[in-house]
PDB file of N, CA and C in Angstrom:
ATOM      1  N   UNK A   1      20.981  -5.453  -6.790  1.00  0.00           N
ATOM      2  CA  UNK A   1      22.247  -4.520  -6.821  1.00  0.00           C
ATOM      3  C   UNK A   1      22.176  -3.239  -7.222  1.00  0.00           C
ATOM      4  N   UNK A   2      21.835  -3.642  -8.223  1.00  0.00           N
ATOM      5  CA  UNK A   2      21.801  -2.098  -8.883  1.00  0.00           C
ATOM      6  C   UNK A   2      21.092  -1.676  -8.394  1.00  0.00           C
ATOM      7  N   UNK A   3      19.590  -1.483  -8.008  1.00  0.00           N
ATOM      8  CA  UNK A   3      18.269  -0.621  -8.087  1.00  0.00           C
ATOM      9  C   UNK A   3      18.453  -0.652  -6.826  1.00  0.00           C
ATOM     10  N   UNK A   4      18.910  -1.197  -6.087  1.00  0.00           N
ATOM     11  CA  UNK A   4      19.336  -1.137  -4.084  1.00  0.00           C
ATOM     12  C   UNK A   4      20.223  -0.037  -4.368  1.00  0.00           C
ATOM     13  N   UNK A   5      21.221   0.103  -5.114  1.00  0.00           N
ATOM     14  CA  UNK A   5      22.115   1.230  -5.179  1.00  0.00           C
ATOM     15  C   UNK A   5      21.589   1.952  -5.964  1.00  0.00           C
ATOM     16  N   UNK A   6      20.876   2.719  -6.503  1.00  0.00           N
ATOM     17  CA  UNK A   6      20.713   3.632  -7.376  1.00  0.00           C
ATOM     18  C   UNK A   6      18.834   4.671  -6.356  1.00  0.00           C
ATOM     19  N   UNK A   7      18.307   3.266  -5.405  1.00  0.00           N
ATOM     20  CA  UNK A   7      17.499   3.834  -4.342  1.00  0.00           C
ATOM     21  C   UNK A   7      18.441   4.512  -3.162  1.00  0.00           C
ATOM     22  N   UNK A   8      19.504   3.751  -2.806  1.00  0.00           N
ATOM     23  CA  UNK A   8      20.132   4.627  -1.782  1.00  0.00           C
ATOM     24  C   UNK A   8      20.899   5.833  -2.232  1.00  0.00           C
ATOM     25  N   UNK A   9      21.455   5.825  -3.290  1.00  0.00           N
ATOM     26  CA  UNK A   9      21.872   7.033  -3.814  1.00  0.00           C
ATOM     27  C   UNK A   9      20.625   8.511  -4.093  1.00  0.00           C
ATOM     28  N   UNK A  10      19.434   7.728  -4.483  1.00  0.00           N
ATOM     29  CA  UNK A  10      18.220   8.964  -4.297  1.00  0.00           C
ATOM     30  C   UNK A  10      17.700   9.103  -3.268  1.00  0.00           C
ATOM     31  N   UNK A  11      17.957   8.003  -2.298  1.00  0.00           N
ATOM     32  CA  UNK A  11      17.001   8.732  -1.163  1.00  0.00           C
ATOM     33  C   UNK A  11      17.887   9.332   0.045  1.00  0.00           C
ATOM     34  N   UNK A  12      18.780   9.644  -0.081  1.00  0.00           N
ATOM     35  CA  UNK A  12      20.037  10.277   0.235  1.00  0.00           C
ATOM     36  C   UNK A  12      19.636  12.290  -1.031  1.00  0.00           C
ATOM     37  N   UNK A  13      19.122  12.627  -1.339  1.00  0.00           N
ATOM     38  CA  UNK A  13      18.779  13.328  -1.558  1.00  0.00           C
ATOM     39  C   UNK A  13      17.481  14.174  -1.912  1.00  0.00           C
ATOM     40  N   UNK A  14      17.242  12.713  -0.993  1.00  0.00           N
ATOM     41  CA  UNK A  14      15.784  13.506  -0.995  1.00  0.00           C
ATOM     42  C   UNK A  14      15.415  14.766   0.639  1.00  0.00           C
ATOM     43  N   UNK A  15      14.408  15.191   0.938  1.00  0.00           N
ATOM     44  CA  UNK A  15      14.535  15.978   0.777  1.00  0.00           C
ATOM     45  C   UNK A  15      14.234  16.067   2.628  1.00  0.00           C
ATOM     46  N   UNK A  16      12.959  14.996   2.932  1.00  0.00           N
ATOM     47  CA  UNK A  16      13.508  14.379   4.651  1.00  0.00           C
ATOM     48  C   UNK A  16      14.680  13.651   4.328  1.00  0.00           C
ATOM     49  N   UNK A  17      15.315  13.461   4.460  1.00  0.00           N
ATOM     50  CA  UNK A  17      16.600  12.075   4.679  1.00  0.00           C
ATOM     51  C   UNK A  17      16.715  10.461   6.159  1.00  0.00           C
ATOM     52  N   UNK A  18      16.223  11.769   6.982  1.00  0.00           N
ATOM     53  CA  UNK A  18      15.546  11.361   8.257  1.00  0.00           C
ATOM     54  C   UNK A  18      14.533  10.381   8.587  1.00  0.00           C
ATOM     55  N   UNK A  19      13.274  10.484   7.615  1.00  0.00           N
ATOM     56  CA  UNK A  19      12.230   9.725   6.737  1.00  0.00           C
ATOM     57  C   UNK A  19      12.824   8.735   6.676  1.00  0.00           C
ATOM     58  N   UNK A  20      13.874   8.757   5.134  1.00  0.00           N
ATOM     59  CA  UNK A  20      14.591   7.730   4.397  1.00  0.00           C
ATOM     60  C   UNK A  20      15.438   7.006   5.604  1.00  0.00           C
ATOM     61  N   UNK A  21      15.634   6.513   6.366  1.00  0.00           N
ATOM     62  CA  UNK A  21      16.760   6.132   7.166  1.00  0.00           C
ATOM     63  C   UNK A  21      16.520   4.227   6.322  1.00  0.00           C
ATOM     64  N   UNK A  22      15.441   3.919   7.381  1.00  0.00           N
ATOM     65  CA  UNK A  22      15.302   2.325   7.345  1.00  0.00           C
ATOM     66  C   UNK A  22      15.468   1.883   5.968  1.00  0.00           C
ATOM     67  N   UNK A  23      14.932   3.080   4.788  1.00  0.00           N
ATOM     68  CA  UNK A  23      15.049   2.376   2.792  1.00  0.00           C
ATOM     69  C   UNK A  23      16.700   2.396   3.165  1.00  0.00           C
ATOM     70  N   UNK A  24      17.314   3.358   3.589  1.00  0.00           N
ATOM     71  CA  UNK A  24      18.483   3.692   2.955  1.00  0.00           C
ATOM     72  C   UNK A  24      19.329   2.185   3.695  1.00  0.00           C
ATOM     73  N   UNK A  25      19.195   2.057   5.003  1.00  0.00           N
ATOM     74  CA  UNK A  25      20.458   0.720   5.710  1.00  0.00           C
ATOM     75  C   UNK A  25      19.516  -0.442   5.143  1.00  0.00           C
ATOM     76  N   UNK A  26      18.153  -0.288   4.412  1.00  0.00           N
ATOM     77  CA  UNK A  26      18.015  -1.977   3.575  1.00  0.00           C
ATOM     78  C   UNK A  26      18.322  -2.006   2.807  1.00  0.00           C
ATOM     79  N   UNK A  27      18.100  -0.339   1.652  1.00  0.00           N
ATOM     80  CA  UNK A  27      19.158  -0.364   0.485  1.00  0.00           C
ATOM     81  C   UNK A  27      20.754  -1.166   0.518  1.00  0.00           C
ATOM     82  N   UNK A  28      21.450  -0.996   1.670  1.00  0.00           N
ATOM     83  CA  UNK A  28      22.757  -1.143   1.769  1.00  0.00           C
ATOM     84  C   UNK A  28      22.834  -2.284   1.780  1.00  0.00           C
ATOM     85  N   UNK A  29      21.930  -2.656   2.362  1.00  0.00           N
ATOM     86  CA  UNK A  29      22.110  -4.398   3.518  1.00  0.00           C
ATOM     87  C   UNK A  29      21.583  -5.482   2.277  1.00  0.00           C
ATOM     88  N   UNK A  30      20.486  -4.790   1.609  1.00  0.00           N
ATOM     89  CA  UNK A  30      20.063  -5.733  -0.105  1.00  0.00           C
ATOM     90  C   UNK A  30      21.694  -6.144  -0.904  1.00  0.00           C
ATOM     91  N   UNK A  31      21.942  -4.743  -1.037  1.00  0.00           N
ATOM     92  CA  UNK A  31      22.672  -4.749  -2.397  1.00  0.00           C
ATOM     93  C   UNK A  31      24.115  -5.587  -2.309  1.00  0.00           C
ATOM     94  N   UNK A  32      24.394  -5.538  -0.210  1.00  0.00           N
ATOM     95  CA  UNK A  32      25.705  -6.164  -0.076  1.00  0.00           C
ATOM     96  C   UNK A  32      25.486  -7.962   0.074  1.00  0.00           C
ATOM     97  N   UNK A  33      23.769  -8.155   0.649  1.00  0.00           N
ATOM     98  CA  UNK A  33      24.031  -9.770   0.110  1.00  0.00           C
ATOM     99  C   UNK A  33      23.733 -10.580  -0.872  1.00  0.00           C
ATOM    100  N   UNK A  34      23.069  -9.247  -1.722  1.00  0.00           N
ATOM    101  CA  UNK A  34      22.711  -9.625  -3.396  1.00  0.00           C
ATOM    102  C   UNK A  34      24.122  -9.607  -3.994  1.00  0.00           C
ATOM    103  N   UNK A  35      25.533  -8.852  -4.036  1.00  0.00           N
ATOM    104  CA  UNK A  35      26.540  -9.362  -4.644  1.00  0.00           C
ATOM    105  C   UNK A  35      27.193 -10.330  -3.492  1.00  0.00           C
ATOM    106  N   UNK A  36      26.927 -11.267  -2.401  1.00  0.00           N
ATOM    107  CA  UNK A  36      27.426 -12.091  -1.872  1.00  0.00           C
ATOM    108  C   UNK A  36      26.915 -12.819  -2.487  1.00  0.00           C
ATOM    109  N   UNK A  37      25.780 -12.819  -2.578  1.00  0.00           N
ATOM    110  CA  UNK A  37      25.153 -13.977  -3.525  1.00  0.00           C
ATOM    111  C   UNK A  37      25.357 -14.379  -4.683  1.00  0.00           C
ATOM    112  N   UNK A  38      25.314 -13.587  -5.297  1.00  0.00           N
ATOM    113  CA  UNK A  38      26.415 -13.890  -6.398  1.00  0.00           C
ATOM    114  C   UNK A  38      27.433 -14.419  -6.259  1.00  0.00           C
ATOM    115  N   UNK A  39      28.424 -14.140  -5.460  1.00  0.00           N
ATOM    116  CA  UNK A  39      29.510 -14.214  -5.750  1.00  0.00           C
ATOM    117  C   UNK A  39      29.718 -15.290  -5.011  1.00  0.00           C
ATOM    118  N   UNK A  40      28.620 -15.912  -4.628  1.00  0.00           N
ATOM    119  CA  UNK A  40      28.864 -17.859  -3.978  1.00  0.00           C
ATOM    120  C   UNK A  40      28.327 -18.590  -4.698  1.00  0.00           C
ATOM    121  N   UNK A  41      27.019 -18.303  -5.821  1.00  0.00           N
ATOM    122  CA  UNK A  41      26.469 -18.993  -6.899  1.00  0.00           C
ATOM    123  C   UNK A  41      27.966 -19.418  -7.823  1.00  0.00           C
ATOM    124  N   UNK A  42      28.974 -18.115  -8.443  1.00  0.00           N
ATOM    125  CA  UNK A  42      29.782 -18.433  -9.128  1.00  0.00           C
ATOM    126  C   UNK A  42      30.857 -19.026  -8.731  1.00  0.00           C
ATOM    127  N   UNK A  43      31.140 -19.708  -7.660  1.00  0.00           N
ATOM    128  CA  UNK A  43      32.436 -20.172  -6.833  1.00  0.00           C
ATOM    129  C   UNK A  43      31.884 -21.216  -6.641  1.00  0.00           C
ATOM    130  N   UNK A  44      29.897 -21.478  -6.724  1.00  0.00           N
ATOM    131  CA  UNK A  44      30.238 -23.327  -5.532  1.00  0.00           C
ATOM    132  C   UNK A  44      30.318 -23.252  -4.960  1.00  0.00           C
ATOM    133  N   UNK A  45      29.998 -22.527  -3.929  1.00  0.00           N
ATOM    134  CA  UNK A  45      29.787 -22.529  -2.424  1.00  0.00           C
ATOM    135  C   UNK A  45      28.747 -23.391  -2.194  1.00  0.00           C
ATOM    136  N   UNK A  46      29.036 -24.545  -1.052  1.00  0.00           N
ATOM    137  CA  UNK A  46      28.510 -25.075  -0.010  1.00  0.00           C
ATOM    138  C   UNK A  46      27.736 -24.352   0.441  1.00  0.00           C
ATOM    139  N   UNK A  47      27.691 -23.140   0.464  1.00  0.00           N
ATOM    140  CA  UNK A  47      26.613 -22.402   1.448  1.00  0.00           C
ATOM    141  C   UNK A  47      25.540 -21.487   0.559  1.00  0.00           C
ATOM    142  N   UNK A  48      25.889 -21.839  -1.037  1.00  0.00           N
ATOM    143  CA  UNK A  48      24.628 -20.645  -1.409  1.00  0.00           C
ATOM    144  C   UNK A  48      24.159 -20.748  -1.433  1.00  0.00           C
ATOM    145  N   UNK A  49      23.144 -21.916  -1.279  1.00  0.00           N
ATOM    146  CA  UNK A  49      21.523 -22.097  -0.976  1.00  0.00           C
ATOM    147  C   UNK A  49      21.281 -21.394   0.114  1.00  0.00           C
ATOM    148  N   UNK A  50      22.252 -20.982   1.248  1.00  0.00           N
ATOM    149  CA  UNK A  50      20.905 -20.768   2.746  1.00  0.00           C
ATOM    150  C   UNK A  50      21.441 -19.153   2.237  1.00  0.00           C
ATOM    151  N   UNK A  51      23.000 -18.829   1.199  1.00  0.00           N
ATOM    152  CA  UNK A  51      22.957 -17.403   1.633  1.00  0.00           C
ATOM    153  C   UNK A  51      22.136 -16.929   0.735  1.00  0.00           C
ATOM    154  N   UNK A  52      21.250 -17.532  -0.495  1.00  0.00           N
ATOM    155  CA  UNK A  52      20.270 -17.087  -1.324  1.00  0.00           C
ATOM    156  C   UNK A  52      19.150 -16.871  -0.272  1.00  0.00           C
ATOM    157  N   UNK A  53      19.107 -18.169   0.077  1.00  0.00           N
ATOM    158  CA  UNK A  53      17.670 -18.245   1.419  1.00  0.00           C
ATOM    159  C   UNK A  53      17.719 -17.190   2.106  1.00  0.00           C
ATOM    160  N   UNK A  54      19.012 -16.140   2.833  1.00  0.00           N
ATOM    161  CA  UNK A  54      18.409 -15.270   3.732  1.00  0.00           C
ATOM    162  C   UNK A  54      18.601 -13.925   2.223  1.00  0.00           C
ATOM    163  N   UNK A  55      19.781 -13.660   1.439  1.00  0.00           N
ATOM    164  CA  UNK A  55      19.147 -12.847   0.264  1.00  0.00           C
ATOM    165  C   UNK A  55      17.489 -12.433  -0.363  1.00  0.00           C
ATOM    166  N   UNK A  56      16.862 -14.203   0.474  1.00  0.00           N
ATOM    167  CA  UNK A  56      15.238 -13.215  -0.379  1.00  0.00           C
ATOM    168  C   UNK A  56      14.561 -12.986   0.332  1.00  0.00           C
ATOM    169  N   UNK A  57      14.954 -13.336   1.651  1.00  0.00           N
ATOM    170  CA  UNK A  57      14.326 -12.777   3.049  1.00  0.00           C
ATOM    171  C   UNK A  57      15.006 -10.414   3.066  1.00  0.00           C
ATOM    172  N   UNK A  58      16.152 -10.891   2.546  1.00  0.00           N
ATOM    173  CA  UNK A  58      16.535  -8.991   3.009  1.00  0.00           C
ATOM    174  C   UNK A  58      15.277  -9.153   1.428  1.00  0.00           C
ATOM    175  N   UNK A  59      16.104  -8.789   0.744  1.00  0.00           N
ATOM    176  CA  UNK A  59      15.694  -8.395  -0.613  1.00  0.00           C
ATOM    177  C   UNK A  59      13.460  -8.188  -0.464  1.00  0.00           C
ATOM    178  N   UNK A  60      13.327  -9.213   0.124  1.00  0.00           N
ATOM    179  CA  UNK A  60      11.221  -9.425   0.178  1.00  0.00           C
ATOM    180  C   UNK A  60      10.954  -7.702   1.861  1.00  0.00           C
ATOM    181  N   UNK A  61      12.330  -7.822   2.361  1.00  0.00           N
ATOM    182  CA  UNK A  61      12.084  -6.860   3.551  1.00  0.00           C
ATOM    183  C   UNK A  61      12.163  -5.543   3.241  1.00  0.00           C
ATOM    184  N   UNK A  62      13.294  -5.600   1.556  1.00  0.00           N
ATOM    185  CA  UNK A  62      13.827  -4.219   1.380  1.00  0.00           C
ATOM    186  C   UNK A  62      12.654  -3.560   0.263  1.00  0.00           C
ATOM    187  N   UNK A  63      12.144  -4.779  -0.105  1.00  0.00           N
ATOM    188  CA  UNK A  63      11.011  -4.706  -1.498  1.00  0.00           C
ATOM    189  C   UNK A  63       9.772  -3.636  -0.345  1.00  0.00           C
ATOM    190  N   UNK A  64       9.454  -4.444   1.058  1.00  0.00           N
ATOM    191  CA  UNK A  64       8.515  -4.113   1.364  1.00  0.00           C
ATOM    192  C   UNK A  64       8.732  -2.474   2.126  1.00  0.00           C
ATOM    193  N   UNK A  65       9.736  -2.102   2.664  1.00  0.00           N
ATOM    194  CA  UNK A  65      10.243  -1.315   2.909  1.00  0.00           C
ATOM    195  C   UNK A  65      10.157  -0.162   1.998  1.00  0.00           C
ATOM    196  N   UNK A  66      10.919  -0.741  -0.043  1.00  0.00           N
ATOM    197  CA  UNK A  66      10.547   0.877  -0.533  1.00  0.00           C
ATOM    198  C   UNK A  66       8.275   0.717  -1.285  1.00  0.00           C
ATOM    199  N   UNK A  67       7.949   0.025  -1.091  1.00  0.00           N
ATOM    200  CA  UNK A  67       6.921   0.589  -0.683  1.00  0.00           C
ATOM    201  C   UNK A  67       5.926   0.817  -0.533  1.00  0.00           C
ATOM    202  N   UNK A  68       6.628   1.463   0.680  1.00  0.00           N
ATOM    203  CA  UNK A  68       5.903   2.697   1.235  1.00  0.00           C
ATOM    204  C   UNK A  68       6.590   3.773   1.826  1.00  0.00           C
ATOM    205  N   UNK A  69       7.261   4.229   0.357  1.00  0.00           N
ATOM    206  CA  UNK A  69       7.385   5.390  -0.418  1.00  0.00           C
ATOM    207  C   UNK A  69       6.898   5.477  -1.576  1.00  0.00           C
ATOM    208  N   UNK A  70       6.572   6.626  -2.023  1.00  0.00           N
ATOM    209  CA  UNK A  70       6.175   7.238  -3.246  1.00  0.00           C
ATOM    210  C   UNK A  70       6.673   7.748  -4.342  1.00  0.00           C
ATOM    211  N   UNK A  71       8.598   7.312  -4.004  1.00  0.00           N
ATOM    212  CA  UNK A  71       9.294   7.736  -5.118  1.00  0.00           C
ATOM    213  C   UNK A  71       9.369   6.843  -5.774  1.00  0.00           C
ATOM    214  N   UNK A  72      10.135   7.077  -7.719  1.00  0.00           N
ATOM    215  CA  UNK A  72       9.647   6.187  -8.039  1.00  0.00           C
ATOM    216  C   UNK A  72      10.744   5.525  -8.132  1.00  0.00           C
ATOM    217  N   UNK A  73      11.832   5.983  -7.764  1.00  0.00           N
ATOM    218  CA  UNK A  73      12.794   5.004  -7.651  1.00  0.00           C
ATOM    219  C   UNK A  73      13.331   4.140  -6.214  1.00  0.00           C
ATOM    220  N   UNK A  74      11.879   4.393  -5.174  1.00  0.00           N
ATOM    221  CA  UNK A  74      11.411   3.301  -3.792  1.00  0.00           C
ATOM    222  C   UNK A  74      10.543   2.376  -5.302  1.00  0.00           C
ATOM    223  N   UNK A  75      10.080   2.732  -5.890  1.00  0.00           N
ATOM    224  CA  UNK A  75       8.955   2.057  -6.169  1.00  0.00           C
ATOM    225  C   UNK A  75       9.765   0.523  -7.486  1.00  0.00           C
ATOM    226  N   UNK A  76      10.874   1.435  -8.284  1.00  0.00           N
ATOM    227  CA  UNK A  76      11.424   0.447  -8.815  1.00  0.00           C
ATOM    228  C   UNK A  76      12.349  -0.362  -8.298  1.00  0.00           C
ATOM    229  N   UNK A  77      12.895   0.162  -6.876  1.00  0.00           N
ATOM    230  CA  UNK A  77      13.566  -0.936  -6.420  1.00  0.00           C
ATOM    231  C   UNK A  77      12.788  -2.138  -5.463  1.00  0.00           C
ATOM    232  N   UNK A  78      11.380  -1.461  -5.205  1.00  0.00           N
ATOM    233  CA  UNK A  78      10.659  -2.697  -4.778  1.00  0.00           C
ATOM    234  C   UNK A  78      10.580  -3.772  -6.022  1.00  0.00           C
ATOM    235  N   UNK A  79      10.251  -3.030  -7.125  1.00  0.00           N
ATOM    236  CA  UNK A  79       9.400  -4.322  -7.654  1.00  0.00           C
ATOM    237  C   UNK A  79      11.118  -5.140  -8.509  1.00  0.00           C
ATOM    238  N   UNK A  80      11.907  -4.742  -8.370  1.00  0.00           N
ATOM    239  CA  UNK A  80      13.272  -5.165  -8.508  1.00  0.00           C
ATOM    240  C   UNK A  80      13.694  -6.655  -7.426  1.00  0.00           C
ATOM    241  N   UNK A  81      13.364  -5.829  -5.802  1.00  0.00           N
ATOM    242  CA  UNK A  81      14.218  -6.467  -4.386  1.00  0.00           C
ATOM    243  C   UNK A  81      12.948  -7.830  -5.017  1.00  0.00           C
ATOM    244  N   UNK A  82      11.170  -7.987  -5.516  1.00  0.00           N
ATOM    245  CA  UNK A  82      10.300  -8.539  -5.248  1.00  0.00           C
ATOM    246  C   UNK A  82      10.919  -9.720  -6.323  1.00  0.00           C
ATOM    247  N   UNK A  83      11.382  -9.304  -7.321  1.00  0.00           N
ATOM    248  CA  UNK A  83      11.665 -10.330  -8.318  1.00  0.00           C
ATOM    249  C   UNK A  83      12.920 -11.022  -7.767  1.00  0.00           C
ATOM    250  N   UNK A  84      13.994 -10.482  -7.649  1.00  0.00           N
ATOM    251  CA  UNK A  84      15.253 -11.270  -6.601  1.00  0.00           C
ATOM    252  C   UNK A  84      14.996 -12.048  -5.481  1.00  0.00           C
ATOM    253  N   UNK A  85      14.060 -11.305  -5.239  1.00  0.00           N
ATOM    254  CA  UNK A  85      13.701 -12.572  -3.405  1.00  0.00           C
ATOM    255  C   UNK A  85      12.848 -13.603  -4.209  1.00  0.00           C
ATOM    256  N   UNK A  86      11.992 -13.843  -5.191  1.00  0.00           N
ATOM    257  CA  UNK A  86      11.651 -15.084  -6.024  1.00  0.00           C
ATOM    258  C   UNK A  86      12.699 -15.798  -6.898  1.00  0.00           C
ATOM    259  N   UNK A  87      13.842 -14.986  -7.239  1.00  0.00           N
ATOM    260  CA  UNK A  87      14.724 -15.935  -7.917  1.00  0.00           C
ATOM    261  C   UNK A  87      15.583 -16.594  -6.811  1.00  0.00           C
ATOM    262  N   UNK A  88      16.129 -16.210  -5.877  1.00  0.00           N
ATOM    263  CA  UNK A  88      16.492 -16.636  -5.009  1.00  0.00           C
ATOM    264  C   UNK A  88      16.135 -17.981  -4.667  1.00  0.00           C
ATOM    265  N   UNK A  89      14.656 -17.521  -4.087  1.00  0.00           N
ATOM    266  CA  UNK A  89      14.110 -18.701  -3.869  1.00  0.00           C
ATOM    267  C   UNK A  89      14.076 -20.274  -4.002  1.00  0.00           C
ATOM    268  N   UNK A  90      13.860 -19.468  -5.573  1.00  0.00           N
ATOM    269  CA  UNK A  90      14.113 -20.750  -6.784  1.00  0.00           C
ATOM    270  C   UNK A  90      15.285 -21.035  -6.498  1.00  0.00           C
ATOM    271  N   UNK A  91      16.427 -20.779  -6.169  1.00  0.00           N
ATOM    272  CA  UNK A  91      18.009 -21.067  -6.114  1.00  0.00           C
ATOM    273  C   UNK A  91      17.885 -21.389  -5.567  1.00  0.00           C
ATOM    274  N   UNK A  92      16.704 -21.180  -4.063  1.00  0.00           N
ATOM    275  CA  UNK A  92      17.544 -22.408  -2.917  1.00  0.00           C
ATOM    276  C   UNK A  92      16.684 -23.672  -2.484  1.00  0.00           C
ATOM    277  N   UNK A  93      15.955 -23.777  -3.378  1.00  0.00           N
ATOM    278  CA  UNK A  93      14.893 -24.792  -2.927  1.00  0.00           C
ATOM    279  C   UNK A  93      15.797 -26.188  -3.981  1.00  0.00           C
TER     280      UNK A  93
END
């Protein structure tokens, strides 16, 4: 969540913001689902496994998009997203 929020904010400061639109959009969605997944696990939600599965899918998509950009913040975000996707898949299994 933190890496996506940092990337989101940094992408807004890039020269060609329009080119970063997909990255910005996925950063926001990913940060939101990560927050929701953490809350669902903390509250022992009966839906936590499904939410974690969705979180993994969104993290994977965000990581792939961020990997398309050479900016340091995008690369750090991609790394965090792939790690989160892996952990969410473990949680959902």
